């Protein structure tokens, strides 16, 4: 298993390189390409000031060099080992301990690593809350539908899951805001953000004061996350619930399940000790692509609910042709996707002892 993990981790390196090469090529071949002229084209500046800024961008980021040299320059900066470069872009000696430098954002004028450190935890928080909710609901609905095949719950759940799967995320987000955050209707939840300004000065847990009940930072954060999590999870658990039902029904009618019943095991033991574990394999396969799909879905949800996460940052970076930021976001997203596939392979061995990577 250790050999397999090492091999998979090493294979991540050329995969990530291929992803960044593709993104860099698309950006370079887009109208206008990646040049200093596109960064300052709309600024109201004097000619000499504009030329000075143009020269600065070209010298700082090497934007006047050929595309392949620009990419190699960026790759050297983000690599933990390579040639040391100064602020003027001059290449120095080779070092094994120079560290990673994601560069400075054209658009924000700040180090990309600082921007990502602010945005990544927000998107990860959304996904870490969404994934358990998605799987908990999907397993419950799918298992209950399978054990009550043809019953009222099975028919109702099947129709409901199909309807939820058919609703676009953008439409669902607008409807949730329109009904549950609108002053003209219920106004149960906030319209934007993941916390209120007042919550920054509150204690972590809710408590009572002389002035009344104080919800605290934790409850305020949960209150803000309700609508975005619903918007992110409903499509996922609808698909997973149908897959769970199909997988459990297939295993309930298999030979080993009939053999277990013939030996006198109770139906609950057959379901939980034999059928359930084997039914997890298709869900694990689908979970490998769940994380990247949630990251893509958070792009829409974060824009609808005005959440400053990776999704909204990616849109702003592409609009502003922020090369350093786009490549860094691509690198992080690709890395998380590959980690998701690696975790799925590891979960196979936990669900099915017959699976071995030795």
Foldseek 3Di string as FASTA:
>chain_A
DVVVVVVLVVVLVVVLVVLLVVVQVVQQPPVVGDALCLLCVPPDDDPVVSVVSRVQCCQQQVRVDDSVVSVVLQVQQQDQWAFDADRRGDTHDTDNHPHHFLDAWSVPRGGLVVLQVVFAVVLVVLVVVQVVVLVVLLLVLLVVCQVVPPDPSVVVLLVVLVVLLPDDLLVLLVVCCVACCDPVHNNQAHQAEQADPVQVPFAQDWDADPVGTDHHNPSRNVRHSPSLSCSLRSNSSSVSNNLLNVQLNVQCPDPVLVVCVVVPDDPVCSSPVPRNLRSCLVVLVVQLCSVLVSVQSVLSSCVRRVYRHLSVVCVVCVVSVGSSNNSVSSSVSSVVSSVSVVVSLVVVCVSDVVDDDD
